[in-house]
PDB file of N, CA and C in Angstrom:
ATOM      1  N   MET A   1       2.703  27.670  -1.653  1.00  0.00           N
ATOM      2  CA  MET A   1       3.465  27.136  -2.767  1.00  0.00           C
ATOM      3  C   MET A   1       4.647  26.356  -2.197  1.00  0.00           C
ATOM      4  N   SER A   2       4.824  25.130  -2.684  1.00  0.00           N
ATOM      5  CA  SER A   2       5.919  24.292  -2.203  1.00  0.00           C
ATOM      6  C   SER A   2       7.246  24.782  -2.781  1.00  0.00           C
ATOM      7  N   GLU A   3       8.334  24.293  -2.214  1.00  0.00           N
ATOM      8  CA  GLU A   3       9.659  24.667  -2.708  1.00  0.00           C
ATOM      9  C   GLU A   3       9.838  24.244  -4.161  1.00  0.00           C
ATOM     10  N   GLU A   4       9.310  23.053  -4.510  1.00  0.00           N
ATOM     11  CA  GLU A   4       9.431  22.569  -5.888  1.00  0.00           C
ATOM     12  C   GLU A   4       8.673  23.482  -6.850  1.00  0.00           C
ATOM     13  N   GLU A   5       7.470  23.914  -6.452  1.00  0.00           N
ATOM     14  CA  GLU A   5       6.692  24.811  -7.301  1.00  0.00           C
ATOM     15  C   GLU A   5       7.410  26.149  -7.477  1.00  0.00           C
ATOM     16  N   LYS A   6       8.021  26.635  -6.413  1.00  0.00           N
ATOM     17  CA  LYS A   6       8.780  27.883  -6.501  1.00  0.00           C
ATOM     18  C   LYS A   6       9.947  27.738  -7.472  1.00  0.00           C
ATOM     19  N   PHE A   7      10.602  26.581  -7.409  1.00  0.00           N
ATOM     20  CA  PHE A   7      11.758  26.338  -8.270  1.00  0.00           C
ATOM     21  C   PHE A   7      11.352  26.265  -9.733  1.00  0.00           C
ATOM     22  N   THR A   8      10.215  25.621 -10.023  1.00  0.00           N
ATOM     23  CA  THR A   8       9.810  25.416 -11.413  1.00  0.00           C
ATOM     24  C   THR A   8       8.956  26.550 -11.954  1.00  0.00           C
ATOM     25  N   ALA A   9       8.518  27.451 -11.105  1.00  0.00           N
ATOM     26  CA  ALA A   9       7.701  28.574 -11.572  1.00  0.00           C
ATOM     27  C   ALA A   9       8.529  29.483 -12.473  1.00  0.00           C
ATOM     28  N   SER A  10       7.867  30.075 -13.429  1.00  0.00           N
ATOM     29  CA  SER A  10       8.558  30.943 -14.364  1.00  0.00           C
ATOM     30  C   SER A  10       7.820  32.264 -14.452  1.00  0.00           C
ATOM     31  N   LEU A  11       8.553  33.329 -14.674  1.00  0.00           N
ATOM     32  CA  LEU A  11       7.932  34.637 -14.833  1.00  0.00           C
ATOM     33  C   LEU A  11       7.273  34.787 -16.196  1.00  0.00           C
ATOM     34  N   PHE A  12       7.692  33.993 -17.158  1.00  0.00           N
ATOM     35  CA  PHE A  12       7.198  34.101 -18.518  1.00  0.00           C
ATOM     36  C   PHE A  12       6.611  32.773 -18.967  1.00  0.00           C
ATOM     37  N   GLU A  13       5.630  32.858 -19.850  1.00  0.00           N
ATOM     38  CA  GLU A  13       5.070  31.648 -20.437  1.00  0.00           C
ATOM     39  C   GLU A  13       6.049  31.106 -21.479  1.00  0.00           C
ATOM     40  N   ALA A  14       5.976  29.813 -21.689  1.00  0.00           N
ATOM     41  CA  ALA A  14       6.811  29.198 -22.727  1.00  0.00           C
ATOM     42  C   ALA A  14       6.356  29.709 -24.092  1.00  0.00           C
ATOM     43  N   PRO A  15       7.274  29.816 -25.038  1.00  0.00           N
ATOM     44  CA  PRO A  15       6.888  30.219 -26.397  1.00  0.00           C
ATOM     45  C   PRO A  15       5.907  29.207 -26.987  1.00  0.00           C
ATOM     46  N   ASN A  16       5.142  29.640 -27.982  1.00  0.00           N
ATOM     47  CA  ASN A  16       4.202  28.703 -28.607  1.00  0.00           C
ATOM     48  C   ASN A  16       4.978  27.622 -29.363  1.00  0.00           C
ATOM     49  N   VAL A  17       4.272  26.592 -29.778  1.00  0.00           N
ATOM     50  CA  VAL A  17       4.911  25.418 -30.386  1.00  0.00           C
ATOM     51  C   VAL A  17       5.686  25.781 -31.648  1.00  0.00           C
ATOM     52  N   VAL A  18       5.155  26.673 -32.462  1.00  0.00           N
ATOM     53  CA  VAL A  18       5.844  27.061 -33.697  1.00  0.00           C
ATOM     54  C   VAL A  18       7.186  27.723 -33.370  1.00  0.00           C
ATOM     55  N   GLN A  19       7.183  28.592 -32.375  1.00  0.00           N
ATOM     56  CA  GLN A  19       8.432  29.237 -31.965  1.00  0.00           C
ATOM     57  C   GLN A  19       9.404  28.211 -31.388  1.00  0.00           C
ATOM     58  N   GLN A  20       8.882  27.246 -30.641  1.00  0.00           N
ATOM     59  CA  GLN A  20       9.745  26.199 -30.090  1.00  0.00           C
ATOM     60  C   GLN A  20      10.369  25.379 -31.211  1.00  0.00           C
ATOM     61  N   GLU A  21       9.586  25.082 -32.239  1.00  0.00           N
ATOM     62  CA  GLU A  21      10.119  24.341 -33.383  1.00  0.00           C
ATOM     63  C   GLU A  21      11.261  25.121 -34.037  1.00  0.00           C
ATOM     64  N   ARG A  22      11.093  26.412 -34.188  1.00  0.00           N
ATOM     65  CA  ARG A  22      12.142  27.251 -34.794  1.00  0.00           C
ATOM     66  C   ARG A  22      13.409  27.245 -33.943  1.00  0.00           C
ATOM     67  N   MET A  23      13.226  27.309 -32.620  1.00  0.00           N
ATOM     68  CA  MET A  23      14.390  27.296 -31.731  1.00  0.00           C
ATOM     69  C   MET A  23      15.118  25.958 -31.810  1.00  0.00           C
ATOM     70  N   VAL A  24      14.350  24.864 -31.784  1.00  0.00           N
ATOM     71  CA  VAL A  24      14.957  23.528 -31.861  1.00  0.00           C
ATOM     72  C   VAL A  24      15.659  23.363 -33.205  1.00  0.00           C
ATOM     73  N   GLU A  25      15.018  23.788 -34.265  1.00  0.00           N
ATOM     74  CA  GLU A  25      15.602  23.700 -35.608  1.00  0.00           C
ATOM     75  C   GLU A  25      16.911  24.488 -35.669  1.00  0.00           C
ATOM     76  N   ALA A  26      16.931  25.667 -35.082  1.00  0.00           N
ATOM     77  CA  ALA A  26      18.155  26.482 -35.070  1.00  0.00           C
ATOM     78  C   ALA A  26      19.272  25.782 -34.303  1.00  0.00           C
ATOM     79  N   ILE A  27      18.932  25.182 -33.184  1.00  0.00           N
ATOM     80  CA  ILE A  27      19.929  24.454 -32.389  1.00  0.00           C
ATOM     81  C   ILE A  27      20.500  23.295 -33.195  1.00  0.00           C
ATOM     82  N   LEU A  28      19.622  22.540 -33.849  1.00  0.00           N
ATOM     83  CA  LEU A  28      20.070  21.368 -34.618  1.00  0.00           C
ATOM     84  C   LEU A  28      20.972  21.762 -35.782  1.00  0.00           C
ATOM     85  N   PHE A  29      20.584  22.782 -36.519  1.00  0.00           N
ATOM     86  CA  PHE A  29      21.336  23.154 -37.704  1.00  0.00           C
ATOM     87  C   PHE A  29      22.588  23.967 -37.395  1.00  0.00           C
ATOM     88  N   ALA A  30      22.628  24.600 -36.239  1.00  0.00           N
ATOM     89  CA  ALA A  30      23.810  25.395 -35.867  1.00  0.00           C
ATOM     90  C   ALA A  30      24.917  24.539 -35.271  1.00  0.00           C
ATOM     91  N   SER A  31      24.569  23.354 -34.830  1.00  0.00           N
ATOM     92  CA  SER A  31      25.546  22.498 -34.181  1.00  0.00           C
ATOM     93  C   SER A  31      26.316  21.664 -35.199  1.00  0.00           C
ATOM     94  N   SER A  32      27.619  21.582 -35.007  1.00  0.00           N
ATOM     95  CA  SER A  32      28.427  20.743 -35.893  1.00  0.00           C
ATOM     96  C   SER A  32      28.443  19.291 -35.426  1.00  0.00           C
ATOM     97  N   ASP A  33      27.965  19.060 -34.203  1.00  0.00           N
ATOM     98  CA  ASP A  33      27.907  17.717 -33.629  1.00  0.00           C
ATOM     99  C   ASP A  33      26.463  17.355 -33.311  1.00  0.00           C
ATOM    100  N   PRO A  34      26.177  16.064 -33.177  1.00  0.00           N
ATOM    101  CA  PRO A  34      24.825  15.663 -32.766  1.00  0.00           C
ATOM    102  C   PRO A  34      24.454  16.302 -31.422  1.00  0.00           C
ATOM    103  N   VAL A  35      23.173  16.618 -31.274  1.00  0.00           N
ATOM    104  CA  VAL A  35      22.666  17.251 -30.061  1.00  0.00           C
ATOM    105  C   VAL A  35      21.636  16.322 -29.432  1.00  0.00           C
ATOM    106  N   THR A  36      21.741  16.111 -28.133  1.00  0.00           N
ATOM    107  CA  THR A  36      20.777  15.251 -27.441  1.00  0.00           C
ATOM    108  C   THR A  36      19.559  16.067 -27.018  1.00  0.00           C
ATOM    109  N   VAL A  37      18.473  15.358 -26.723  1.00  0.00           N
ATOM    110  CA  VAL A  37      17.269  16.012 -26.227  1.00  0.00           C
ATOM    111  C   VAL A  37      17.583  16.743 -24.927  1.00  0.00           C
ATOM    112  N   LYS A  38      18.398  16.141 -24.089  1.00  0.00           N
ATOM    113  CA  LYS A  38      18.775  16.772 -22.817  1.00  0.00           C
ATOM    114  C   LYS A  38      19.467  18.107 -23.066  1.00  0.00           C
ATOM    115  N   GLU A  39      20.351  18.153 -24.058  1.00  0.00           N
ATOM    116  CA  GLU A  39      21.040  19.407 -24.389  1.00  0.00           C
ATOM    117  C   GLU A  39      20.059  20.451 -24.925  1.00  0.00           C
ATOM    118  N   ILE A  40      19.111  20.000 -25.734  1.00  0.00           N
ATOM    119  CA  ILE A  40      18.095  20.910 -26.267  1.00  0.00           C
ATOM    120  C   ILE A  40      17.261  21.486 -25.124  1.00  0.00           C
ATOM    121  N   ILE A  41      16.854  20.637 -24.199  1.00  0.00           N
ATOM    122  CA  ILE A  41      16.079  21.089 -23.045  1.00  0.00           C
ATOM    123  C   ILE A  41      16.843  22.174 -22.294  1.00  0.00           C
ATOM    124  N   GLY A  42      18.138  21.985 -22.135  1.00  0.00           N
ATOM    125  CA  GLY A  42      18.954  22.954 -21.425  1.00  0.00           C
ATOM    126  C   GLY A  42      19.094  24.291 -22.127  1.00  0.00           C
ATOM    127  N   ARG A  43      18.832  24.318 -23.413  1.00  0.00           N
ATOM    128  CA  ARG A  43      18.993  25.556 -24.188  1.00  0.00           C
ATOM    129  C   ARG A  43      17.676  26.288 -24.428  1.00  0.00           C
ATOM    130  N   LEU A  44      16.558  25.638 -24.136  1.00  0.00           N
ATOM    131  CA  LEU A  44      15.255  26.256 -24.373  1.00  0.00           C
ATOM    132  C   LEU A  44      14.715  26.918 -23.106  1.00  0.00           C
ATOM    133  N   PRO A  45      13.819  27.890 -23.266  1.00  0.00           N
ATOM    134  CA  PRO A  45      13.207  28.514 -22.093  1.00  0.00           C
ATOM    135  C   PRO A  45      12.408  27.501 -21.271  1.00  0.00           C
ATOM    136  N   HIS A  46      12.255  27.804 -20.006  1.00  0.00           N
ATOM    137  CA  HIS A  46      11.494  26.946 -19.093  1.00  0.00           C
ATOM    138  C   HIS A  46      10.078  26.738 -19.634  1.00  0.00           C
ATOM    139  N   GLY A  47       9.597  25.515 -19.544  1.00  0.00           N
ATOM    140  CA  GLY A  47       8.232  25.199 -19.957  1.00  0.00           C
ATOM    141  C   GLY A  47       8.090  24.728 -21.385  1.00  0.00           C
ATOM    142  N   CYS A  48       9.161  24.733 -22.152  1.00  0.00           N
ATOM    143  CA  CYS A  48       9.106  24.270 -23.539  1.00  0.00           C
ATOM    144  C   CYS A  48       8.971  22.757 -23.586  1.00  0.00           C
ATOM    145  N   GLU A  49       8.453  22.272 -24.687  1.00  0.00           N
ATOM    146  CA  GLU A  49       8.279  20.839 -24.909  1.00  0.00           C
ATOM    147  C   GLU A  49       9.092  20.419 -26.133  1.00  0.00           C
ATOM    148  N   PRO A  50      10.390  20.196 -25.950  1.00  0.00           N
ATOM    149  CA  PRO A  50      11.225  19.874 -27.115  1.00  0.00           C
ATOM    150  C   PRO A  50      10.832  18.568 -27.796  1.00  0.00           C
ATOM    151  N   GLU A  51      10.310  17.614 -27.040  1.00  0.00           N
ATOM    152  CA  GLU A  51       9.896  16.351 -27.656  1.00  0.00           C
ATOM    153  C   GLU A  51       8.782  16.597 -28.669  1.00  0.00           C
ATOM    154  N   LYS A  52       7.839  17.456 -28.318  1.00  0.00           N
ATOM    155  CA  LYS A  52       6.739  17.790 -29.226  1.00  0.00           C
ATOM    156  C   LYS A  52       7.269  18.542 -30.444  1.00  0.00           C
ATOM    157  N   ALA A  53       8.163  19.487 -30.214  1.00  0.00           N
ATOM    158  CA  ALA A  53       8.747  20.242 -31.319  1.00  0.00           C
ATOM    159  C   ALA A  53       9.522  19.311 -32.254  1.00  0.00           C
ATOM    160  N   LEU A  54      10.285  18.375 -31.683  1.00  0.00           N
ATOM    161  CA  LEU A  54      11.043  17.423 -32.496  1.00  0.00           C
ATOM    162  C   LEU A  54      10.114  16.532 -33.311  1.00  0.00           C
ATOM    163  N   LYS A  55       9.030  16.087 -32.714  1.00  0.00           N
ATOM    164  CA  LYS A  55       8.056  15.247 -33.418  1.00  0.00           C
ATOM    165  C   LYS A  55       7.475  16.023 -34.599  1.00  0.00           C
ATOM    166  N   ASN A  56       7.099  17.276 -34.367  1.00  0.00           N
ATOM    167  CA  ASN A  56       6.545  18.098 -35.442  1.00  0.00           C
ATOM    168  C   ASN A  56       7.564  18.344 -36.552  1.00  0.00           C
ATOM    169  N   LEU A  57       8.810  18.594 -36.172  1.00  0.00           N
ATOM    170  CA  LEU A  57       9.859  18.800 -37.180  1.00  0.00           C
ATOM    171  C   LEU A  57      10.100  17.534 -37.993  1.00  0.00           C
ATOM    172  N   LYS A  58      10.081  16.404 -37.323  1.00  0.00           N
ATOM    173  CA  LYS A  58      10.266  15.133 -38.039  1.00  0.00           C
ATOM    174  C   LYS A  58       9.173  14.953 -39.080  1.00  0.00           C
ATOM    175  N   GLU A  59       7.930  15.235 -38.705  1.00  0.00           N
ATOM    176  CA  GLU A  59       6.820  15.129 -39.657  1.00  0.00           C
ATOM    177  C   GLU A  59       6.997  16.129 -40.800  1.00  0.00           C
ATOM    178  N   LYS A  60       7.392  17.347 -40.469  1.00  0.00           N
ATOM    179  CA  LYS A  60       7.596  18.389 -41.484  1.00  0.00           C
ATOM    180  C   LYS A  60       8.655  17.968 -42.499  1.00  0.00           C
ATOM    181  N   TYR A  61       9.764  17.447 -42.010  1.00  0.00           N
ATOM    182  CA  TYR A  61      10.848  17.074 -42.915  1.00  0.00           C
ATOM    183  C   TYR A  61      10.568  15.768 -43.641  1.00  0.00           C
ATOM    184  N   THR A  62       9.757  14.911 -43.073  1.00  0.00           N
ATOM    185  CA  THR A  62       9.365  13.680 -43.759  1.00  0.00           C
ATOM    186  C   THR A  62       8.505  14.024 -44.966  1.00  0.00           C
ATOM    187  N   VAL A  63       7.574  14.928 -44.792  1.00  0.00           N
ATOM    188  CA  VAL A  63       6.688  15.353 -45.876  1.00  0.00           C
ATOM    189  C   VAL A  63       7.471  16.049 -46.976  1.00  0.00           C
ATOM    190  N   SER A  64       8.493  16.816 -46.613  1.00  0.00           N
ATOM    191  CA  SER A  64       9.267  17.547 -47.621  1.00  0.00           C
ATOM    192  C   SER A  64      10.393  16.698 -48.226  1.00  0.00           C
ATOM    193  N   TYR A  65      10.473  15.435 -47.806  1.00  0.00           N
ATOM    194  CA  TYR A  65      11.491  14.514 -48.320  1.00  0.00           C
ATOM    195  C   TYR A  65      12.916  14.941 -48.017  1.00  0.00           C
ATOM    196  N   THR A  66      13.082  15.729 -46.980  1.00  0.00           N
ATOM    197  CA  THR A  66      14.407  16.139 -46.546  1.00  0.00           C
ATOM    198  C   THR A  66      14.872  15.176 -45.468  1.00  0.00           C
ATOM    199  N   HIS A  67      16.059  14.647 -45.611  1.00  0.00           N
ATOM    200  CA  HIS A  67      16.579  13.700 -44.631  1.00  0.00           C
ATOM    201  C   HIS A  67      17.002  14.447 -43.371  1.00  0.00           C
ATOM    202  N   LEU A  68      16.422  14.076 -42.263  1.00  0.00           N
ATOM    203  CA  LEU A  68      16.769  14.690 -40.978  1.00  0.00           C
ATOM    204  C   LEU A  68      16.772  13.615 -39.920  1.00  0.00           C
ATOM    205  N   THR A  69      17.913  13.429 -39.283  1.00  0.00           N
ATOM    206  CA  THR A  69      18.014  12.470 -38.194  1.00  0.00           C
ATOM    207  C   THR A  69      17.884  13.238 -36.897  1.00  0.00           C
ATOM    208  N   LEU A  70      16.842  12.933 -36.149  1.00  0.00           N
ATOM    209  CA  LEU A  70      16.580  13.654 -34.912  1.00  0.00           C
ATOM    210  C   LEU A  70      17.133  12.918 -33.723  1.00  0.00           C
ATOM    211  N   PRO A  71      17.486  13.663 -32.675  1.00  0.00           N
ATOM    212  CA  PRO A  71      18.074  13.040 -31.490  1.00  0.00           C
ATOM    213  C   PRO A  71      17.065  12.165 -30.759  1.00  0.00           C
ATOM    214  N   THR A  72      17.595  11.137 -30.139  1.00  0.00           N
ATOM    215  CA  THR A  72      16.780  10.308 -29.257  1.00  0.00           C
ATOM    216  C   THR A  72      17.254  10.566 -27.841  1.00  0.00           C
ATOM    217  N   LYS A  73      16.467  10.158 -26.889  1.00  0.00           N
ATOM    218  CA  LYS A  73      16.812  10.421 -25.493  1.00  0.00           C
ATOM    219  C   LYS A  73      18.005   9.677 -25.089  1.00  0.00           C
TER     220      LYS A  73
END
């Protein structure tokens, strides 16, 4: 195993996408200021895909007609 693989290896699997969406949603709604994708990445467990979670949340809120401005990179 290379040093990079050792660094990125995790003892736990990333949460499933639904759980990741809930975590991202909590971060967005708990913050009084805009949150960047980089900040979200820093707050989620290793292996999460915040871009995918954000895309799913955007679709969810678009369908429900709720206005939600999501962070860009």
